[in-house]
Each structure stands twice: as C-alpha cells, then as structure tokens.
C-alpha cells in the first residue's frame, strides 16, 4: 500500500514539475502573435517544453466549386511568406525545440482543435486577432472562443 501511494505521489510531482511538455502555438503572422510568441518562449524555457507552431492557410475557392490558377498562386505566395516568418520565430527560441506545420483548411478554429488532439499537446497558447468588420463580429464566433470551448487540454489566451 505504501509503495502504491509513493508511486502516485511521484507521478503527481513529475506532472507538476513538467505540466506543459508540448505546446501548440497557432500563428497567423500578425504583430500581436509575434509579441505573444516572446511570452511563450519564457513559458517554454521555464517548463523545458517543446513548441509546435501551427499556421492555417484558409483554403477558399474563388468560384466556390474549384480552385483557379490565381487561387493556387495566392496560397503558394502566402505559404512562402509564412515559412519566412516562422523561420524568424524559430531563431528567437534559443535552445528550445520548435517544429512547425502549415496546413490548408476551411475553418481555422476546427483545425486548431483537431491538431491539438492529433499532436497530444498539453497547452494551446493563442492571442486574439480582431475581427475586421461589424458584420464579422455579429455573425462569426471568435476563433479563440471556439478553440477554448472545444479543447481537451489547457489553454492560455495572451492579450
């Protein structure tokens, strides 16, 4: 009985010591996200965490049914821009293991939740991007709100 109790307390202390081994950081290339990444680096160093930078490219079609050449060029250009920005972020993570993933999707918030489950992350760190119009504010749920409501792991919202 004592051995079992000791084992359980050992596991609890290990969990408390390293609660966030793998952190997912959804990144959309904004200044606000870059500032948040600096705070994330501090957290990752403190907990000796690994970071996954996730960038979701919206896979929208111009005519609704198929992709045009201009759609494909736009996505390729956006991918290249994001790869360059992610490379700059990785350089800030002195000594931290950072990987990145760029995916195409239709609904960003759903993709973030799905990727967090697939990667079995312990924490998702996000900053809020302002919705661009009053119409969006009325009809679209915030990405941060949707992710928060549907995650199965810890969540940190940096304002």
N, C-alpha and C. Protein backbone atom coordinates (compact mmCIF):
# COMPACT_ATOMS: atom_id res chain seq x y z
N UNK A 1 0.82 -1.20 0.00
CA UNK A 1 0.00 0.00 0.00
C UNK A 1 0.86 1.25 0.00
N UNK A 2 1.93 1.23 0.81
CA UNK A 2 2.81 2.40 0.86
C UNK A 2 3.52 2.61 -0.47
N UNK A 3 3.91 1.51 -1.12
CA UNK A 3 4.60 1.62 -2.41
C UNK A 3 3.70 2.26 -3.45
N UNK A 4 2.43 1.88 -3.45
CA UNK A 4 1.48 2.43 -4.41
C UNK A 4 1.28 3.93 -4.17
N UNK A 5 1.13 4.31 -2.91
CA UNK A 5 0.97 5.73 -2.57
C UNK A 5 2.20 6.53 -2.97
N UNK A 6 3.38 5.96 -2.75
CA UNK A 6 4.63 6.63 -3.12
C UNK A 6 4.70 6.83 -4.64
N UNK A 7 4.32 5.79 -5.37
CA UNK A 7 4.33 5.86 -6.83
C UNK A 7 3.38 6.94 -7.32
N UNK A 8 2.21 7.02 -6.74
CA UNK A 8 1.24 8.03 -7.16
C UNK A 8 1.74 9.44 -6.85
N UNK A 9 2.35 9.64 -5.69
CA UNK A 9 2.87 10.98 -5.36
C UNK A 9 4.05 11.32 -6.25
N UNK A 10 4.85 10.33 -6.62
CA UNK A 10 5.95 10.58 -7.55
C UNK A 10 5.43 11.03 -8.90
N UNK A 11 4.37 10.38 -9.39
CA UNK A 11 3.77 10.77 -10.67
C UNK A 11 3.19 12.18 -10.60
N UNK A 12 2.55 12.50 -9.49
CA UNK A 12 1.98 13.84 -9.33
C UNK A 12 3.08 14.89 -9.33
N UNK A 13 4.17 14.63 -8.62
CA UNK A 13 5.25 15.62 -8.59
C UNK A 13 5.87 15.76 -9.97
N UNK A 14 5.97 14.68 -10.73
CA UNK A 14 6.50 14.78 -12.10
C UNK A 14 5.57 15.61 -12.97
N UNK A 15 4.27 15.38 -12.84
CA UNK A 15 3.30 16.14 -13.62
C UNK A 15 3.37 17.61 -13.25
N UNK A 16 3.48 17.90 -11.95
CA UNK A 16 3.55 19.29 -11.51
C UNK A 16 4.84 19.95 -11.96
N UNK A 17 5.92 19.18 -12.05
CA UNK A 17 7.20 19.73 -12.48
C UNK A 17 7.18 20.08 -13.97
N UNK A 18 6.65 19.21 -14.79
CA UNK A 18 6.63 19.41 -16.24
C UNK A 18 5.20 19.34 -16.78
N UNK A 19 4.34 20.30 -16.41
CA UNK A 19 2.95 20.19 -16.83
C UNK A 19 2.75 20.45 -18.32
N UNK A 20 3.65 21.19 -18.94
CA UNK A 20 3.47 21.55 -20.35
C UNK A 20 4.67 21.09 -21.15
N UNK A 21 4.68 19.82 -21.51
CA UNK A 21 5.80 19.29 -22.28
C UNK A 21 5.71 19.67 -23.76
N UNK A 22 4.49 19.78 -24.27
CA UNK A 22 4.28 20.10 -25.68
C UNK A 22 3.23 21.21 -25.78
N UNK A 23 3.63 22.31 -26.41
CA UNK A 23 2.76 23.49 -26.52
C UNK A 23 2.47 23.77 -27.99
N UNK A 24 1.21 23.99 -28.30
CA UNK A 24 0.79 24.36 -29.66
C UNK A 24 0.56 25.87 -29.71
N UNK A 25 1.16 26.50 -30.70
CA UNK A 25 1.03 27.95 -30.88
C UNK A 25 0.46 28.23 -32.27
N UNK A 26 -0.86 28.47 -32.39
CA UNK A 26 -1.43 28.85 -33.68
C UNK A 26 -0.93 30.25 -34.06
N UNK A 27 -0.36 30.36 -35.23
CA UNK A 27 0.31 31.60 -35.65
C UNK A 27 -0.23 32.07 -36.99
N UNK A 28 -0.67 33.34 -37.03
CA UNK A 28 -1.21 33.88 -38.29
C UNK A 28 -0.36 35.00 -38.87
N UNK A 29 0.81 35.23 -38.31
CA UNK A 29 1.73 36.20 -38.89
C UNK A 29 1.55 37.63 -38.44
N UNK A 30 0.66 37.89 -37.49
CA UNK A 30 0.42 39.26 -37.04
C UNK A 30 1.47 39.70 -36.02
N UNK A 31 1.58 41.01 -35.84
CA UNK A 31 2.49 41.57 -34.83
C UNK A 31 2.09 41.09 -33.44
N UNK A 32 0.79 41.01 -33.20
CA UNK A 32 0.30 40.56 -31.90
C UNK A 32 0.77 39.13 -31.61
N UNK A 33 0.73 38.26 -32.62
CA UNK A 33 1.20 36.89 -32.44
C UNK A 33 2.71 36.85 -32.19
N UNK A 34 3.45 37.70 -32.87
CA UNK A 34 4.90 37.74 -32.66
C UNK A 34 5.23 38.17 -31.23
N UNK A 35 4.48 39.13 -30.72
CA UNK A 35 4.67 39.58 -29.34
C UNK A 35 4.31 38.45 -28.36
N UNK A 36 3.24 37.75 -28.63
CA UNK A 36 2.81 36.62 -27.79
C UNK A 36 3.84 35.49 -27.81
N UNK A 37 4.49 35.31 -28.94
CA UNK A 37 5.50 34.26 -29.05
C UNK A 37 6.66 34.52 -28.09
N UNK A 38 7.00 35.78 -27.90
CA UNK A 38 8.05 36.12 -26.94
C UNK A 38 7.68 35.67 -25.54
N UNK A 39 6.42 35.84 -25.16
CA UNK A 39 5.95 35.38 -23.85
C UNK A 39 5.93 33.85 -23.79
N UNK A 40 5.57 33.23 -24.90
CA UNK A 40 5.55 31.77 -24.97
C UNK A 40 6.95 31.20 -24.77
N UNK A 41 7.95 31.85 -25.31
CA UNK A 41 9.34 31.40 -25.15
C UNK A 41 9.71 31.34 -23.67
N UNK A 42 9.30 32.34 -22.92
CA UNK A 42 9.57 32.36 -21.47
C UNK A 42 8.92 31.15 -20.78
N UNK A 43 7.68 30.86 -21.14
CA UNK A 43 6.97 29.72 -20.56
C UNK A 43 7.67 28.41 -20.93
N UNK A 44 8.04 28.28 -22.20
CA UNK A 44 8.68 27.06 -22.69
C UNK A 44 10.03 26.84 -22.01
N UNK A 45 10.79 27.89 -21.79
CA UNK A 45 12.07 27.75 -21.09
C UNK A 45 11.86 27.31 -19.65
N UNK A 46 10.88 27.89 -18.99
CA UNK A 46 10.60 27.57 -17.59
C UNK A 46 10.20 26.10 -17.42
N UNK A 47 9.45 25.56 -18.39
CA UNK A 47 8.94 24.19 -18.27
C UNK A 47 9.69 23.20 -19.16
N UNK A 48 10.74 23.68 -19.83
CA UNK A 48 11.51 22.83 -20.75
C UNK A 48 10.58 22.16 -21.77
N UNK A 49 9.73 22.97 -22.36
CA UNK A 49 8.71 22.48 -23.29
C UNK A 49 9.18 22.51 -24.74
N UNK A 50 8.52 21.72 -25.55
CA UNK A 50 8.67 21.78 -27.00
C UNK A 50 7.50 22.58 -27.54
N UNK A 51 7.72 23.28 -28.65
CA UNK A 51 6.68 24.12 -29.24
C UNK A 51 6.39 23.66 -30.67
N UNK A 52 5.11 23.61 -30.99
CA UNK A 52 4.68 23.39 -32.37
C UNK A 52 4.00 24.68 -32.82
N UNK A 53 4.53 25.28 -33.87
CA UNK A 53 3.91 26.46 -34.46
C UNK A 53 2.98 25.97 -35.57
N UNK A 54 1.70 26.28 -35.44
CA UNK A 54 0.70 25.85 -36.43
C UNK A 54 0.18 27.07 -37.19
N UNK A 55 0.30 27.03 -38.49
CA UNK A 55 -0.25 28.08 -39.33
C UNK A 55 -1.32 27.46 -40.23
N UNK A 56 -2.48 28.07 -40.19
CA UNK A 56 -3.61 27.59 -41.00
C UNK A 56 -3.84 28.57 -42.15
N UNK A 57 -3.70 28.09 -43.36
CA UNK A 57 -3.99 28.90 -44.53
C UNK A 57 -5.42 28.61 -44.96
N UNK A 58 -6.21 29.65 -45.09
CA UNK A 58 -7.62 29.47 -45.47
C UNK A 58 -7.69 28.98 -46.90
N UNK A 59 -8.34 27.88 -47.09
CA UNK A 59 -8.46 27.25 -48.41
C UNK A 59 -9.80 27.62 -49.03
N UNK A 60 -9.90 28.88 -49.45
CA UNK A 60 -11.13 29.37 -50.06
C UNK A 60 -11.02 29.33 -51.58
N UNK A 61 -12.12 29.06 -52.21
CA UNK A 61 -12.15 28.98 -53.67
C UNK A 61 -12.89 30.20 -54.22
N UNK A 62 -12.33 30.77 -55.27
CA UNK A 62 -12.91 31.97 -55.85
C UNK A 62 -14.33 31.73 -56.35
N UNK A 63 -14.53 30.68 -57.10
CA UNK A 63 -15.84 30.43 -57.69
C UNK A 63 -16.65 29.40 -56.89
N UNK A 64 -16.15 28.98 -55.76
CA UNK A 64 -16.89 28.08 -54.90
C UNK A 64 -16.72 26.60 -55.20
N UNK A 65 -16.56 26.24 -56.47
CA UNK A 65 -16.52 24.83 -56.83
C UNK A 65 -15.11 24.30 -57.06
N UNK A 66 -14.23 25.14 -57.58
CA UNK A 66 -12.88 24.69 -57.89
C UNK A 66 -11.90 25.84 -57.68
N UNK A 67 -10.62 25.48 -57.64
CA UNK A 67 -9.58 26.49 -57.46
C UNK A 67 -9.08 26.98 -58.82
N UNK A 68 -8.93 28.27 -58.93
CA UNK A 68 -8.36 28.85 -60.15
C UNK A 68 -6.85 28.92 -59.99
N UNK A 69 -6.15 29.25 -61.07
CA UNK A 69 -4.71 29.41 -61.02
C UNK A 69 -4.33 30.52 -60.04
N UNK A 70 -5.11 31.57 -60.03
CA UNK A 70 -4.81 32.68 -59.12
C UNK A 70 -4.99 32.26 -57.66
N UNK A 71 -5.96 31.38 -57.38
CA UNK A 71 -6.13 30.85 -56.01
C UNK A 71 -4.88 30.08 -55.59
N UNK A 72 -4.40 29.22 -56.49
CA UNK A 72 -3.22 28.40 -56.19
C UNK A 72 -1.98 29.28 -56.00
N UNK A 73 -1.83 30.30 -56.83
CA UNK A 73 -0.68 31.21 -56.70
C UNK A 73 -0.76 31.98 -55.38
N UNK A 74 -1.95 32.40 -55.03
CA UNK A 74 -2.14 33.16 -53.79
C UNK A 74 -1.76 32.31 -52.57
N UNK A 75 -2.19 31.06 -52.56
CA UNK A 75 -1.87 30.17 -51.45
C UNK A 75 -0.37 29.88 -51.41
N UNK A 76 0.25 29.67 -52.57
CA UNK A 76 1.69 29.42 -52.62
C UNK A 76 2.48 30.62 -52.09
N UNK A 77 2.05 31.82 -52.47
CA UNK A 77 2.72 33.05 -52.01
C UNK A 77 2.54 33.21 -50.49
N UNK A 78 1.33 32.95 -50.03
CA UNK A 78 1.05 33.06 -48.59
C UNK A 78 1.86 32.04 -47.80
N UNK A 79 1.98 30.82 -48.33
CA UNK A 79 2.77 29.77 -47.68
C UNK A 79 4.23 30.20 -47.55
N UNK A 80 4.79 30.76 -48.62
CA UNK A 80 6.19 31.19 -48.61
C UNK A 80 6.40 32.31 -47.60
N UNK A 81 5.49 33.26 -47.55
CA UNK A 81 5.56 34.36 -46.59
C UNK A 81 5.55 33.83 -45.17
N UNK A 82 4.64 32.89 -44.89
CA UNK A 82 4.53 32.33 -43.55
C UNK A 82 5.76 31.50 -43.19
N UNK A 83 6.32 30.77 -44.15
CA UNK A 83 7.54 30.00 -43.88
C UNK A 83 8.67 30.93 -43.44
N UNK A 84 8.80 32.08 -44.10
CA UNK A 84 9.83 33.05 -43.72
C UNK A 84 9.59 33.62 -42.32
N UNK A 85 8.35 33.94 -42.01
CA UNK A 85 8.02 34.47 -40.69
C UNK A 85 8.26 33.42 -39.60
N UNK A 86 7.91 32.18 -39.88
CA UNK A 86 8.12 31.10 -38.91
C UNK A 86 9.62 30.88 -38.68
N UNK A 87 10.41 30.95 -39.73
CA UNK A 87 11.86 30.82 -39.57
C UNK A 87 12.42 31.89 -38.64
N UNK A 88 11.90 33.12 -38.75
CA UNK A 88 12.33 34.20 -37.85
C UNK A 88 11.94 33.88 -36.41
N UNK A 89 10.74 33.35 -36.20
CA UNK A 89 10.31 32.98 -34.85
C UNK A 89 11.20 31.89 -34.26
N UNK A 90 11.53 30.90 -35.07
CA UNK A 90 12.35 29.79 -34.59
C UNK A 90 13.71 30.29 -34.09
N UNK A 91 14.24 31.32 -34.71
CA UNK A 91 15.53 31.88 -34.28
C UNK A 91 15.44 32.52 -32.90
N UNK A 92 14.24 32.95 -32.51
CA UNK A 92 14.05 33.55 -31.18
C UNK A 92 14.05 32.49 -30.08
N UNK A 93 13.75 31.27 -30.43
CA UNK A 93 13.64 30.19 -29.45
C UNK A 93 14.97 29.57 -29.12
N UNK A 94 15.86 30.32 -28.56
CA UNK A 94 17.21 29.90 -28.23
C UNK A 94 17.20 28.64 -27.35
N UNK A 95 17.58 27.50 -27.94
CA UNK A 95 17.69 26.25 -27.20
C UNK A 95 16.38 25.49 -27.02
N UNK A 96 15.30 26.01 -27.54
CA UNK A 96 14.01 25.34 -27.41
C UNK A 96 13.73 24.57 -28.70
N UNK A 97 13.23 23.35 -28.55
CA UNK A 97 12.89 22.56 -29.74
C UNK A 97 11.57 23.08 -30.30
N UNK A 98 11.64 23.61 -31.52
CA UNK A 98 10.46 24.20 -32.16
C UNK A 98 10.25 23.53 -33.52
N UNK A 99 9.05 23.03 -33.73
CA UNK A 99 8.69 22.50 -35.04
C UNK A 99 7.53 23.33 -35.58
N UNK A 100 7.28 23.20 -36.86
CA UNK A 100 6.20 23.99 -37.44
C UNK A 100 5.40 23.14 -38.42
N UNK A 101 4.17 23.58 -38.60
CA UNK A 101 3.28 22.87 -39.51
C UNK A 101 2.38 23.92 -40.18
N UNK A 102 2.33 23.89 -41.50
CA UNK A 102 1.44 24.77 -42.25
C UNK A 102 0.41 23.89 -42.94
N UNK A 103 -0.86 24.18 -42.66
CA UNK A 103 -1.94 23.37 -43.22
C UNK A 103 -2.95 24.27 -43.93
N UNK A 104 -3.62 23.70 -44.93
CA UNK A 104 -4.73 24.39 -45.58
C UNK A 104 -6.01 23.88 -44.96
N UNK A 105 -6.92 24.80 -44.69
CA UNK A 105 -8.19 24.40 -44.09
C UNK A 105 -9.26 25.42 -44.41
N UNK A 106 -10.49 25.05 -44.15
CA UNK A 106 -11.61 25.97 -44.37
C UNK A 106 -11.99 26.69 -43.09
N UNK A 107 -11.95 25.96 -41.96
CA UNK A 107 -12.33 26.56 -40.67
C UNK A 107 -11.13 26.46 -39.74
N UNK A 108 -10.50 27.59 -39.48
CA UNK A 108 -9.26 27.64 -38.72
C UNK A 108 -9.45 27.10 -37.30
N UNK A 109 -10.49 27.51 -36.62
CA UNK A 109 -10.68 27.09 -35.23
C UNK A 109 -10.82 25.57 -35.11
N UNK A 110 -11.53 24.96 -36.05
CA UNK A 110 -11.69 23.50 -36.04
C UNK A 110 -10.35 22.82 -36.27
N UNK A 111 -9.55 23.36 -37.16
CA UNK A 111 -8.23 22.78 -37.46
C UNK A 111 -7.31 22.86 -36.24
N UNK A 112 -7.36 23.97 -35.51
CA UNK A 112 -6.53 24.12 -34.31
C UNK A 112 -6.90 23.05 -33.28
N UNK A 113 -8.19 22.86 -33.06
CA UNK A 113 -8.65 21.85 -32.10
C UNK A 113 -8.23 20.45 -32.57
N UNK A 114 -8.42 20.15 -33.85
CA UNK A 114 -8.04 18.84 -34.39
C UNK A 114 -6.54 18.59 -34.25
N UNK A 115 -5.73 19.60 -34.58
CA UNK A 115 -4.27 19.44 -34.49
C UNK A 115 -3.82 19.27 -33.04
N UNK A 116 -4.49 19.96 -32.12
CA UNK A 116 -4.12 19.80 -30.70
C UNK A 116 -4.37 18.38 -30.23
N UNK A 117 -5.43 17.76 -30.72
CA UNK A 117 -5.74 16.37 -30.35
C UNK A 117 -4.77 15.40 -31.02
N UNK A 118 -4.51 15.61 -32.31
CA UNK A 118 -3.59 14.73 -33.05
C UNK A 118 -2.20 14.74 -32.45
N UNK A 119 -1.74 15.93 -32.07
CA UNK A 119 -0.37 16.08 -31.55
C UNK A 119 -0.28 15.81 -30.06
N UNK A 120 -1.42 15.63 -29.39
CA UNK A 120 -1.48 15.38 -27.96
C UNK A 120 -0.74 16.46 -27.17
N UNK A 121 -1.07 17.71 -27.45
CA UNK A 121 -0.41 18.82 -26.77
C UNK A 121 -0.99 18.99 -25.36
N UNK A 122 -0.18 19.61 -24.50
CA UNK A 122 -0.59 19.86 -23.12
C UNK A 122 -1.17 21.26 -22.95
N UNK A 123 -0.82 22.15 -23.87
CA UNK A 123 -1.23 23.55 -23.75
C UNK A 123 -1.34 24.17 -25.14
N UNK A 124 -2.37 24.98 -25.33
CA UNK A 124 -2.51 25.78 -26.55
C UNK A 124 -2.42 27.24 -26.11
N UNK A 125 -1.52 28.00 -26.76
CA UNK A 125 -1.33 29.41 -26.45
C UNK A 125 -1.75 30.22 -27.66
N UNK A 126 -2.69 31.15 -27.45
CA UNK A 126 -3.19 31.97 -28.56
C UNK A 126 -3.30 33.42 -28.15
N UNK A 127 -3.21 34.29 -29.15
CA UNK A 127 -3.56 35.70 -28.95
C UNK A 127 -4.78 35.96 -29.82
N UNK A 128 -5.53 36.95 -29.45
CA UNK A 128 -6.77 37.23 -30.17
C UNK A 128 -6.52 38.21 -31.31
N UNK A 129 -7.00 37.86 -32.49
CA UNK A 129 -6.95 38.75 -33.63
C UNK A 129 -8.31 39.43 -33.75
N UNK A 130 -8.30 40.71 -33.94
CA UNK A 130 -9.56 41.44 -34.02
C UNK A 130 -10.29 41.09 -35.31
N UNK A 131 -11.60 40.93 -35.19
CA UNK A 131 -12.42 40.73 -36.38
C UNK A 131 -12.47 42.05 -37.14
N UNK A 132 -12.44 41.97 -38.45
CA UNK A 132 -12.24 43.17 -39.25
C UNK A 132 -13.47 44.05 -39.45
N UNK A 133 -14.66 43.49 -39.33
CA UNK A 133 -15.84 44.32 -39.57
C UNK A 133 -16.93 44.04 -38.54
N UNK A 134 -17.89 44.93 -38.48
CA UNK A 134 -19.02 44.74 -37.56
C UNK A 134 -19.83 43.51 -37.94
N UNK A 135 -19.92 43.23 -39.24
CA UNK A 135 -20.68 42.06 -39.71
C UNK A 135 -20.02 40.79 -39.17
N UNK A 136 -18.68 40.71 -39.27
CA UNK A 136 -17.98 39.54 -38.75
C UNK A 136 -18.21 39.40 -37.25
N UNK A 137 -18.19 40.51 -36.52
CA UNK A 137 -18.39 40.46 -35.07
C UNK A 137 -19.76 39.91 -34.71
N UNK A 138 -20.76 40.21 -35.52
CA UNK A 138 -22.12 39.76 -35.25
C UNK A 138 -22.31 38.29 -35.63
N UNK A 139 -21.80 37.88 -36.80
CA UNK A 139 -22.13 36.57 -37.34
C UNK A 139 -21.10 35.47 -37.10
N UNK A 140 -19.87 35.81 -36.77
CA UNK A 140 -18.84 34.79 -36.63
C UNK A 140 -18.32 34.73 -35.21
N UNK A 141 -18.30 33.53 -34.69
CA UNK A 141 -17.73 33.32 -33.36
C UNK A 141 -16.21 33.51 -33.48
N UNK A 142 -15.64 34.11 -32.49
CA UNK A 142 -14.20 34.31 -32.45
C UNK A 142 -13.49 32.95 -32.50
N UNK A 143 -12.37 32.90 -33.22
CA UNK A 143 -11.57 31.69 -33.29
C UNK A 143 -11.13 31.28 -31.89
N UNK A 144 -10.67 32.25 -31.10
CA UNK A 144 -10.22 31.97 -29.74
C UNK A 144 -11.35 31.36 -28.92
N UNK A 145 -12.56 31.93 -29.01
CA UNK A 145 -13.70 31.41 -28.25
C UNK A 145 -14.02 29.97 -28.64
N UNK A 146 -14.04 29.70 -29.93
CA UNK A 146 -14.35 28.35 -30.40
C UNK A 146 -13.30 27.35 -29.93
N UNK A 147 -12.03 27.71 -30.05
CA UNK A 147 -10.95 26.82 -29.62
C UNK A 147 -11.07 26.54 -28.13
N UNK A 148 -11.27 27.59 -27.34
CA UNK A 148 -11.38 27.45 -25.89
C UNK A 148 -12.51 26.49 -25.51
N UNK A 149 -13.64 26.61 -26.15
CA UNK A 149 -14.81 25.79 -25.82
C UNK A 149 -14.64 24.32 -26.21
N UNK A 150 -13.77 24.04 -27.18
CA UNK A 150 -13.68 22.68 -27.72
C UNK A 150 -12.37 21.95 -27.44
N UNK A 151 -11.46 22.56 -26.72
CA UNK A 151 -10.18 21.93 -26.42
C UNK A 151 -10.31 20.88 -25.33
N UNK A 152 -9.42 19.90 -25.37
CA UNK A 152 -9.37 18.89 -24.31
C UNK A 152 -8.07 19.03 -23.50
N UNK A 153 -7.37 20.14 -23.68
CA UNK A 153 -6.13 20.39 -22.93
C UNK A 153 -6.19 21.80 -22.35
N UNK A 154 -5.11 22.21 -21.71
CA UNK A 154 -5.06 23.55 -21.12
C UNK A 154 -4.98 24.62 -22.21
N UNK A 155 -5.39 25.82 -21.85
CA UNK A 155 -5.46 26.93 -22.82
C UNK A 155 -4.97 28.20 -22.17
N UNK A 156 -4.13 28.96 -22.87
CA UNK A 156 -3.66 30.23 -22.39
C UNK A 156 -3.93 31.27 -23.46
N UNK A 157 -4.68 32.30 -23.09
CA UNK A 157 -5.02 33.38 -24.00
C UNK A 157 -4.18 34.59 -23.62
N UNK A 158 -3.34 35.04 -24.52
CA UNK A 158 -2.49 36.20 -24.28
C UNK A 158 -3.10 37.40 -25.00
N UNK A 159 -3.39 38.44 -24.24
CA UNK A 159 -3.98 39.65 -24.83
C UNK A 159 -2.91 40.63 -25.20
